[in-house]
Amino acid sequence: MVSTPSRVLDEIAANATPAPITRLVDGWLAKCAPGLPFRRANAVLPAVGAGADPARAAAVLDELAGWYRSQGLRLIIQVPSTDPDLDALLAERGMEVEAPVDVLVATPFAGRSTAPDVEVSVSVGVDAVWAAEYGAVHGHDAVSRARVEAYGRMLADLGPSAVAAVARRDGELAGFGVRERGWLGVFGMGTAPAHRRRGVARAVLGALAEGGDSYLQVEVDNAPAQALYRGLGFTESHRYHYRVSAPA
């Protein structure tokens, strides 16, 4: 098993959701993507141990809050569980908690498919066309389809770092992820209802990971996803949550 600091995984995950506008302020990475409906693409990854110097952190927060307001966005801070001082500072500023997330890892992902009749192919690159097809199959409504299509537009900028998988039982699109520093980040998984509980997810993850290390981010209260991934051998690495300001 590979031991990787939680900070490294958070940096890799931040890189996997690129934004067209970024700023680096005193070690805080701020991303801005007004056209993308994702917290991850519009959030700030604080400097390591930012809460240890409250006055310095407050100055950075004031600067970033003004910058996000100028973009018509609220300030969103990704707060690691390792920095309770920062969390307390943000709470004092009236920033509310949103979306507690578990970061799960499989090091390596060693699951074997229980669906021998499923053939999975992996292609390099994710584009808007692929994402639109994926959204048409797996989007529950217009909003969820639009989110998937937006993901496709975002991942297109990553070139060969993004990978997509298709499970060939009935040609259903199955999942996509981003590779960096030997890790596969799983950011989209979907199995058509008729093919669930048949080992398709394990087959897709195995093909994407290629026996390497994998991580994914699951909201704490998403019980079905938690059960699925933990059942496939993923374990918890660490946890974070967001603190958000009032709407801009």
C-alpha atoms as a PDB file:
ATOM      1  CA  MET A   1       0.000   0.000   0.000  1.00  0.00           C
ATOM      2  CA  VAL A   2       1.266   3.472  -0.888  1.00  0.00           C
ATOM      3  CA  SER A   3       1.110   6.087   1.869  1.00  0.00           C
ATOM      4  CA  THR A   4       0.348   9.511   0.413  1.00  0.00           C
ATOM      5  CA  PRO A   5      -0.164  12.651   2.496  1.00  0.00           C
ATOM      6  CA  SER A   6      -3.713  13.953   2.336  1.00  0.00           C
ATOM      7  CA  ARG A   7      -2.405  17.311   1.109  1.00  0.00           C
ATOM      8  CA  VAL A   8      -0.883  15.711  -1.987  1.00  0.00           C
ATOM      9  CA  LEU A   9      -4.183  14.064  -2.857  1.00  0.00           C
ATOM     10  CA  ASP A  10      -6.018  17.350  -2.366  1.00  0.00           C
ATOM     11  CA  GLU A  11      -3.577  19.086  -4.727  1.00  0.00           C
ATOM     12  CA  ILE A  12      -3.946  16.331  -7.326  1.00  0.00           C
ATOM     13  CA  ALA A  13      -7.737  16.534  -7.075  1.00  0.00           C
ATOM     14  CA  ALA A  14      -7.628  20.318  -7.432  1.00  0.00           C
ATOM     15  CA  ASN A  15      -5.583  19.942 -10.617  1.00  0.00           C
ATOM     16  CA  ALA A  16      -8.123  17.435 -11.954  1.00  0.00           C
ATOM     17  CA  THR A  17     -10.863  20.079 -11.962  1.00  0.00           C
ATOM     18  CA  PRO A  18      -9.187  22.893 -13.888  1.00  0.00           C
ATOM     19  CA  ALA A  19     -10.578  26.409 -13.983  1.00  0.00           C
ATOM     20  CA  PRO A  20      -9.990  29.052 -16.655  1.00  0.00           C
ATOM     21  CA  ILE A  21      -9.052  31.647 -14.023  1.00  0.00           C
ATOM     22  CA  THR A  22      -6.718  30.989 -11.095  1.00  0.00           C
ATOM     23  CA  ARG A  23      -4.898  33.064  -8.512  1.00  0.00           C
ATOM     24  CA  LEU A  24      -2.202  32.135  -6.040  1.00  0.00           C
ATOM     25  CA  VAL A  25      -2.305  34.347  -2.947  1.00  0.00           C
ATOM     26  CA  ASP A  26       0.247  33.638  -0.227  1.00  0.00           C
ATOM     27  CA  GLY A  27       0.118  29.914  -0.987  1.00  0.00           C
ATOM     28  CA  TRP A  28      -3.694  29.770  -1.298  1.00  0.00           C
ATOM     29  CA  LEU A  29      -4.840  28.425  -4.690  1.00  0.00           C
ATOM     30  CA  ALA A  30      -8.046  30.139  -5.824  1.00  0.00           C
ATOM     31  CA  LYS A  31      -9.948  28.803  -8.840  1.00  0.00           C
ATOM     32  CA  CYS A  32     -12.704  30.608 -10.706  1.00  0.00           C
ATOM     33  CA  ALA A  33     -14.923  29.111 -13.411  1.00  0.00           C
ATOM     34  CA  PRO A  34     -18.164  31.120 -13.669  1.00  0.00           C
ATOM     35  CA  GLY A  35     -19.428  28.882 -16.478  1.00  0.00           C
ATOM     36  CA  LEU A  36     -18.955  25.608 -14.577  1.00  0.00           C
ATOM     37  CA  PRO A  37     -21.472  24.559 -11.889  1.00  0.00           C
ATOM     38  CA  PHE A  38     -18.970  22.794  -9.624  1.00  0.00           C
ATOM     39  CA  ARG A  39     -17.698  23.788  -6.191  1.00  0.00           C
ATOM     40  CA  ARG A  40     -14.366  22.166  -6.980  1.00  0.00           C
ATOM     41  CA  ALA A  41     -13.791  24.469  -9.960  1.00  0.00           C
ATOM     42  CA  ASN A  42     -14.744  27.578  -7.967  1.00  0.00           C
ATOM     43  CA  ALA A  43     -13.090  26.905  -4.618  1.00  0.00           C
ATOM     44  CA  VAL A  44      -9.934  27.823  -2.742  1.00  0.00           C
ATOM     45  CA  LEU A  45      -7.361  25.300  -1.537  1.00  0.00           C
ATOM     46  CA  PRO A  46      -5.699  27.055   1.440  1.00  0.00           C
ATOM     47  CA  ALA A  47      -2.000  27.056   2.163  1.00  0.00           C
ATOM     48  CA  VAL A  48      -0.779  24.264   4.437  1.00  0.00           C
ATOM     49  CA  GLY A  49      -1.400  25.179   8.079  1.00  0.00           C
ATOM     50  CA  ALA A  50      -3.100  28.435   7.124  1.00  0.00           C
ATOM     51  CA  GLY A  51      -5.020  28.628  10.395  1.00  0.00           C
ATOM     52  CA  ALA A  52      -1.837  28.829  12.475  1.00  0.00           C
ATOM     53  CA  ASP A  53      -1.524  32.555  11.676  1.00  0.00           C
ATOM     54  CA  PRO A  54      -5.048  34.037  12.003  1.00  0.00           C
ATOM     55  CA  ALA A  55      -4.067  37.594  11.083  1.00  0.00           C
ATOM     56  CA  ARG A  56      -2.298  36.495   7.918  1.00  0.00           C
ATOM     57  CA  ALA A  57      -5.161  34.181   6.981  1.00  0.00           C
ATOM     58  CA  ALA A  58      -7.704  36.959   7.574  1.00  0.00           C
ATOM     59  CA  ALA A  59      -5.841  39.257   5.185  1.00  0.00           C
ATOM     60  CA  VAL A  60      -5.829  36.598   2.470  1.00  0.00           C
ATOM     61  CA  LEU A  61      -9.520  35.872   3.034  1.00  0.00           C
ATOM     62  CA  ASP A  62     -10.414  39.551   2.709  1.00  0.00           C
ATOM     63  CA  GLU A  63      -8.523  39.775  -0.574  1.00  0.00           C
ATOM     64  CA  LEU A  64     -10.068  36.612  -1.983  1.00  0.00           C
ATOM     65  CA  ALA A  65     -13.583  37.528  -0.868  1.00  0.00           C
ATOM     66  CA  GLY A  66     -13.328  40.780  -2.822  1.00  0.00           C
ATOM     67  CA  TRP A  67     -11.953  38.993  -5.874  1.00  0.00           C
ATOM     68  CA  TYR A  68     -14.744  36.411  -5.936  1.00  0.00           C
ATOM     69  CA  ARG A  69     -17.360  39.152  -5.483  1.00  0.00           C
ATOM     70  CA  SER A  70     -15.935  40.889  -8.542  1.00  0.00           C
ATOM     71  CA  GLN A  71     -16.535  37.636 -10.441  1.00  0.00           C
ATOM     72  CA  GLY A  72     -20.127  37.420  -9.184  1.00  0.00           C
ATOM     73  CA  LEU A  73     -19.300  34.392  -7.028  1.00  0.00           C
ATOM     74  CA  ARG A  74     -19.325  33.538  -3.348  1.00  0.00           C
ATOM     75  CA  LEU A  75     -16.155  32.619  -1.507  1.00  0.00           C
ATOM     76  CA  ILE A  76     -15.758  28.842  -1.082  1.00  0.00           C
ATOM     77  CA  ILE A  77     -12.920  27.445   1.027  1.00  0.00           C
ATOM     78  CA  GLN A  78     -11.994  23.755   1.060  1.00  0.00           C
ATOM     79  CA  VAL A  79     -11.179  23.104   4.720  1.00  0.00           C
ATOM     80  CA  PRO A  80      -9.015  20.074   5.532  1.00  0.00           C
ATOM     81  CA  SER A  81      -9.737  18.162   8.704  1.00  0.00           C
ATOM     82  CA  THR A  82      -6.079  18.718   9.635  1.00  0.00           C
ATOM     83  CA  ASP A  83      -6.573  22.487  10.117  1.00  0.00           C
ATOM     84  CA  PRO A  84      -9.167  23.042  12.874  1.00  0.00           C
ATOM     85  CA  ASP A  85      -7.791  26.539  13.514  1.00  0.00           C
ATOM     86  CA  LEU A  86      -8.706  27.590   9.989  1.00  0.00           C
ATOM     87  CA  ASP A  87     -12.148  26.047  10.361  1.00  0.00           C
ATOM     88  CA  ALA A  88     -12.708  28.030  13.560  1.00  0.00           C
ATOM     89  CA  LEU A  89     -11.584  31.261  11.884  1.00  0.00           C
ATOM     90  CA  LEU A  90     -13.997  30.741   8.998  1.00  0.00           C
ATOM     91  CA  ALA A  91     -16.826  29.937  11.397  1.00  0.00           C
ATOM     92  CA  GLU A  92     -16.145  33.225  13.212  1.00  0.00           C
ATOM     93  CA  ARG A  93     -16.508  35.010   9.875  1.00  0.00           C
ATOM     94  CA  GLY A  94     -19.971  33.505   9.458  1.00  0.00           C
ATOM     95  CA  MET A  95     -19.048  31.064   6.696  1.00  0.00           C
ATOM     96  CA  GLU A  96     -21.331  28.024   6.680  1.00  0.00           C
ATOM     97  CA  VAL A  97     -20.369  24.358   6.279  1.00  0.00           C
ATOM     98  CA  GLU A  98     -21.336  22.641   3.046  1.00  0.00           C
ATOM     99  CA  ALA A  99     -20.769  19.179   1.601  1.00  0.00           C
ATOM    100  CA  PRO A 100     -18.542  17.219   4.007  1.00  0.00           C
ATOM    101  CA  VAL A 101     -16.546  14.865   1.788  1.00  0.00           C
ATOM    102  CA  ASP A 102     -14.699  11.601   2.343  1.00  0.00           C
ATOM    103  CA  VAL A 103     -11.639  11.028   0.183  1.00  0.00           C
ATOM    104  CA  LEU A 104     -11.471   7.287  -0.450  1.00  0.00           C
ATOM    105  CA  VAL A 105      -8.452   5.427  -1.833  1.00  0.00           C
ATOM    106  CA  ALA A 106      -7.599   2.009  -3.200  1.00  0.00           C
ATOM    107  CA  THR A 107      -3.839   1.459  -3.229  1.00  0.00           C
ATOM    108  CA  PRO A 108      -3.809  -0.261  -5.588  1.00  0.00           C
ATOM    109  CA  PHE A 109      -7.283  -0.977  -6.901  1.00  0.00           C
ATOM    110  CA  ALA A 110      -7.212  -4.770  -7.031  1.00  0.00           C
ATOM    111  CA  GLY A 111     -10.836  -5.616  -7.719  1.00  0.00           C
ATOM    112  CA  ARG A 112     -11.646  -8.157 -10.371  1.00  0.00           C
ATOM    113  CA  SER A 113     -14.704  -7.989 -12.527  1.00  0.00           C
ATOM    114  CA  THR A 114     -17.579 -10.293 -11.669  1.00  0.00           C
ATOM    115  CA  ALA A 115     -19.078  -9.612 -15.088  1.00  0.00           C
ATOM    116  CA  PRO A 116     -17.040 -11.668 -17.571  1.00  0.00           C
ATOM    117  CA  ASP A 117     -19.482 -10.833 -20.345  1.00  0.00           C
ATOM    118  CA  VAL A 118     -18.644  -7.124 -20.083  1.00  0.00           C
ATOM    119  CA  GLU A 119     -15.845  -5.777 -22.257  1.00  0.00           C
ATOM    120  CA  VAL A 120     -14.422  -2.438 -21.159  1.00  0.00           C
ATOM    121  CA  SER A 121     -12.400  -0.196 -23.444  1.00  0.00           C
ATOM    122  CA  VAL A 122     -10.460   2.839 -22.264  1.00  0.00           C
ATOM    123  CA  SER A 123      -9.692   5.837 -24.445  1.00  0.00           C
ATOM    124  CA  VAL A 124      -7.379   8.749 -23.814  1.00  0.00           C
ATOM    125  CA  GLY A 125      -9.040  12.125 -23.632  1.00  0.00           C
ATOM    126  CA  VAL A 126     -12.536  13.241 -22.705  1.00  0.00           C
ATOM    127  CA  ASP A 127     -14.311  15.722 -24.928  1.00  0.00           C
ATOM    128  CA  ALA A 128     -17.653  17.488 -24.992  1.00  0.00           C
ATOM    129  CA  VAL A 129     -19.129  14.982 -27.453  1.00  0.00           C
ATOM    130  CA  TRP A 130     -18.331  12.031 -25.175  1.00  0.00           C
ATOM    131  CA  ALA A 131     -19.707  13.881 -22.164  1.00  0.00           C
ATOM    132  CA  ALA A 132     -22.927  14.742 -24.005  1.00  0.00           C
ATOM    133  CA  GLU A 133     -23.460  11.063 -24.861  1.00  0.00           C
ATOM    134  CA  TYR A 134     -22.700  10.074 -21.277  1.00  0.00           C
ATOM    135  CA  GLY A 135     -25.144  12.676 -19.994  1.00  0.00           C
ATOM    136  CA  ALA A 136     -27.858  11.440 -22.339  1.00  0.00           C
ATOM    137  CA  VAL A 137     -27.536   7.916 -20.898  1.00  0.00           C
ATOM    138  CA  HIS A 138     -26.996   8.713 -17.229  1.00  0.00           C
ATOM    139  CA  GLY A 139     -28.444  12.168 -16.629  1.00  0.00           C
ATOM    140  CA  HIS A 140     -31.648  11.948 -14.616  1.00  0.00           C
ATOM    141  CA  ASP A 141     -32.888  15.306 -15.851  1.00  0.00           C
ATOM    142  CA  ALA A 142     -31.807  18.345 -17.834  1.00  0.00           C
ATOM    143  CA  VAL A 143     -29.824  19.743 -14.903  1.00  0.00           C
ATOM    144  CA  SER A 144     -27.774  16.582 -14.322  1.00  0.00           C
ATOM    145  CA  ARG A 145     -27.165  16.182 -18.068  1.00  0.00           C
ATOM    146  CA  ALA A 146     -25.920  19.755 -18.260  1.00  0.00           C
ATOM    147  CA  ARG A 147     -23.528  19.114 -15.361  1.00  0.00           C
ATOM    148  CA  VAL A 148     -22.035  16.083 -17.119  1.00  0.00           C
ATOM    149  CA  GLU A 149     -21.645  18.027 -20.353  1.00  0.00           C
ATOM    150  CA  ALA A 150     -19.917  20.810 -18.423  1.00  0.00           C
ATOM    151  CA  TYR A 151     -17.528  18.242 -16.988  1.00  0.00           C
ATOM    152  CA  GLY A 152     -16.686  17.177 -20.532  1.00  0.00           C
ATOM    153  CA  ARG A 153     -15.853  20.744 -21.535  1.00  0.00           C
ATOM    154  CA  MET A 154     -13.638  21.091 -18.469  1.00  0.00           C
ATOM    155  CA  LEU A 155     -11.789  17.794 -18.913  1.00  0.00           C
ATOM    156  CA  ALA A 156     -11.132  18.468 -22.590  1.00  0.00           C
ATOM    157  CA  ASP A 157      -8.463  20.941 -21.460  1.00  0.00           C
ATOM    158  CA  LEU A 158      -6.553  18.159 -19.672  1.00  0.00           C
ATOM    159  CA  GLY A 159      -5.733  16.300 -22.873  1.00  0.00           C
ATOM    160  CA  PRO A 160      -4.229  12.831 -22.289  1.00  0.00           C
ATOM    161  CA  SER A 161      -4.468  13.137 -18.489  1.00  0.00           C
ATOM    162  CA  ALA A 162      -8.202  12.472 -18.795  1.00  0.00           C
ATOM    163  CA  VAL A 163      -9.377   8.941 -19.600  1.00  0.00           C
ATOM    164  CA  ALA A 164     -12.796   7.554 -20.448  1.00  0.00           C
ATOM    165  CA  ALA A 165     -14.174   4.026 -20.222  1.00  0.00           C
ATOM    166  CA  VAL A 166     -17.022   2.322 -22.041  1.00  0.00           C
ATOM    167  CA  ALA A 167     -18.557  -0.967 -20.912  1.00  0.00           C
ATOM    168  CA  ARG A 168     -19.600  -3.023 -23.907  1.00  0.00           C
ATOM    169  CA  ARG A 169     -22.577  -5.002 -22.795  1.00  0.00           C
ATOM    170  CA  ASP A 170     -25.019  -2.793 -24.644  1.00  0.00           C
ATOM    171  CA  GLY A 171     -22.600  -0.020 -25.514  1.00  0.00           C
ATOM    172  CA  GLU A 172     -23.388   1.948 -22.365  1.00  0.00           C
ATOM    173  CA  LEU A 173     -20.943   4.689 -21.424  1.00  0.00           C
ATOM    174  CA  ALA A 174     -19.529   3.961 -18.018  1.00  0.00           C
ATOM    175  CA  GLY A 175     -16.998   6.298 -16.430  1.00  0.00           C
ATOM    176  CA  PHE A 176     -14.176   8.792 -16.660  1.00  0.00           C
ATOM    177  CA  GLY A 177     -11.222   9.887 -14.577  1.00  0.00           C
ATOM    178  CA  VAL A 178      -8.006  11.914 -14.457  1.00  0.00           C
ATOM    179  CA  ARG A 179      -4.474  10.589 -13.996  1.00  0.00           C
ATOM    180  CA  GLU A 180      -1.659  12.449 -12.270  1.00  0.00           C
ATOM    181  CA  ARG A 181       1.464  11.385 -10.352  1.00  0.00           C
ATOM    182  CA  GLY A 182       0.508   7.728 -10.564  1.00  0.00           C
ATOM    183  CA  TRP A 183      -3.004   8.295  -9.202  1.00  0.00           C
ATOM    184  CA  LEU A 184      -6.312   7.893 -10.995  1.00  0.00           C
ATOM    185  CA  GLY A 185      -9.012  10.257  -9.787  1.00  0.00           C
ATOM    186  CA  VAL A 186     -12.477   8.869 -10.465  1.00  0.00           C
ATOM    187  CA  PHE A 187     -14.858  11.717 -11.234  1.00  0.00           C
ATOM    188  CA  GLY A 188     -17.679  10.116 -13.172  1.00  0.00           C
ATOM    189  CA  MET A 189     -19.222   6.684 -12.788  1.00  0.00           C
ATOM    190  CA  GLY A 190     -22.594   5.621 -14.075  1.00  0.00           C
ATOM    191  CA  THR A 191     -24.222   2.294 -14.803  1.00  0.00           C
ATOM    192  CA  ALA A 192     -27.497   2.151 -16.683  1.00  0.00           C
ATOM    193  CA  PRO A 193     -30.265   0.857 -14.361  1.00  0.00           C
ATOM    194  CA  ALA A 194     -30.709  -2.396 -16.279  1.00  0.00           C
ATOM    195  CA  HIS A 195     -27.066  -3.359 -15.696  1.00  0.00           C
ATOM    196  CA  ARG A 196     -26.571  -2.479 -12.042  1.00  0.00           C
ATOM    197  CA  ARG A 197     -25.405  -5.057  -9.477  1.00  0.00           C
ATOM    198  CA  ARG A 198     -23.718  -7.115 -12.173  1.00  0.00           C
ATOM    199  CA  GLY A 199     -20.099  -6.128 -11.589  1.00  0.00           C
ATOM    200  CA  VAL A 200     -19.959  -3.425 -14.240  1.00  0.00           C
ATOM    201  CA  ALA A 201     -18.612  -0.766 -11.837  1.00  0.00           C
ATOM    202  CA  ARG A 202     -15.791  -3.060 -10.715  1.00  0.00           C
ATOM    203  CA  ALA A 203     -14.925  -3.826 -14.342  1.00  0.00           C
ATOM    204  CA  VAL A 204     -14.825  -0.172 -15.286  1.00  0.00           C
ATOM    205  CA  LEU A 205     -12.740   0.874 -12.270  1.00  0.00           C
ATOM    206  CA  GLY A 206     -10.310  -1.977 -12.888  1.00  0.00           C
ATOM    207  CA  ALA A 207      -9.826  -0.913 -16.496  1.00  0.00           C
ATOM    208  CA  LEU A 208      -9.377   2.749 -15.626  1.00  0.00           C
ATOM    209  CA  ALA A 209      -6.986   2.125 -12.737  1.00  0.00           C
ATOM    210  CA  GLU A 210      -4.923  -0.539 -14.531  1.00  0.00           C
ATOM    211  CA  GLY A 211      -3.953  -1.984 -11.156  1.00  0.00           C
ATOM    212  CA  GLY A 212      -2.637   1.367  -9.913  1.00  0.00           C
ATOM    213  CA  ASP A 213      -3.643   3.666  -7.088  1.00  0.00           C
ATOM    214  CA  SER A 214      -7.050   5.327  -7.246  1.00  0.00           C
ATOM    215  CA  TYR A 215      -8.903   7.974  -5.282  1.00  0.00           C
ATOM    216  CA  LEU A 216     -12.352   9.452  -5.364  1.00  0.00           C
ATOM    217  CA  GLN A 217     -14.365  11.996  -3.381  1.00  0.00           C
ATOM    218  CA  VAL A 218     -17.768  11.085  -1.987  1.00  0.00           C
ATOM    219  CA  GLU A 219     -20.062  13.268   0.073  1.00  0.00           C
ATOM    220  CA  VAL A 220     -20.410  11.855   3.562  1.00  0.00           C
ATOM    221  CA  ASP A 221     -24.202  11.582   3.361  1.00  0.00           C
ATOM    222  CA  ASN A 222     -24.246   9.835  -0.039  1.00  0.00           C
ATOM    223  CA  ALA A 223     -24.972   6.397   1.414  1.00  0.00           C
ATOM    224  CA  PRO A 224     -25.374   4.472  -1.887  1.00  0.00           C
ATOM    225  CA  ALA A 225     -22.065   5.725  -3.279  1.00  0.00           C
ATOM    226  CA  GLN A 226     -20.296   5.151   0.047  1.00  0.00           C
ATOM    227  CA  ALA A 227     -21.553   1.568   0.132  1.00  0.00           C
ATOM    228  CA  LEU A 228     -20.603   0.931  -3.496  1.00  0.00           C
ATOM    229  CA  TYR A 229     -17.023   2.144  -3.292  1.00  0.00           C
ATOM    230  CA  ARG A 230     -16.255   0.760   0.144  1.00  0.00           C
ATOM    231  CA  GLY A 231     -17.651  -2.554  -1.058  1.00  0.00           C
ATOM    232  CA  LEU A 232     -15.175  -2.425  -3.937  1.00  0.00           C
ATOM    233  CA  GLY A 233     -12.266  -2.071  -1.537  1.00  0.00           C
ATOM    234  CA  PHE A 234     -11.874   1.692  -1.148  1.00  0.00           C
ATOM    235  CA  THR A 235     -10.956   2.946   2.331  1.00  0.00           C
ATOM    236  CA  GLU A 236     -10.975   6.412   3.846  1.00  0.00           C
ATOM    237  CA  SER A 237      -7.851   8.532   3.462  1.00  0.00           C
ATOM    238  CA  HIS A 238      -9.148  11.756   4.988  1.00  0.00           C
ATOM    239  CA  ARG A 239     -12.072  14.136   5.080  1.00  0.00           C
ATOM    240  CA  TYR A 240     -12.692  17.766   4.243  1.00  0.00           C
ATOM    241  CA  HIS A 241     -15.633  20.119   3.983  1.00  0.00           C
ATOM    242  CA  TYR A 242     -16.340  23.490   2.442  1.00  0.00           C
ATOM    243  CA  ARG A 243     -16.993  26.782   4.201  1.00  0.00           C
ATOM    244  CA  VAL A 244     -18.977  29.204   2.066  1.00  0.00           C
ATOM    245  CA  SER A 245     -19.855  32.862   2.288  1.00  0.00           C
ATOM    246  CA  ALA A 246     -23.285  34.312   1.573  1.00  0.00           C
ATOM    247  CA  PRO A 247     -24.177  34.545  -2.145  1.00  0.00           C
ATOM    248  CA  ALA A 248     -22.344  37.307  -3.989  1.00  0.00           C
END
